[in-house]
C-alpha cells in the first residue's frame, strides 16, 4: 500500500492538504523572517545569538542527564526480585 496514493489510503486527500498547508505556512514564515531580518538586523542577530545560547544550555542539560542515565548502577542500591 502506497501512503501517497489516495485510492489505497482513505486519508490520502487529507494528508495531501495537510502537506500543502504546512508548505504554505513554512513559506510565509520564511518570508516574515526574511523581512524581519532585513528591517531589524541587530535585533535578528541578538535573537539568533540567544537561540544558540538556549540550544547550548539544553544540550548541556541533556548531556548531564545522559551521563547519569548511562552510568553504572550505584552500589548503594539493592535489587529486590518481587517475582519469586
Foldseek 3Di string as FASTA:
>chain_A
DDLCDCVVPVCNVVVVVVVVVVVVVVVVVVVVLVVCCVVCVPVNVVVVVVVVVVVVVVVVVVVVVVCVVPDPDDPPDDDDDPPD
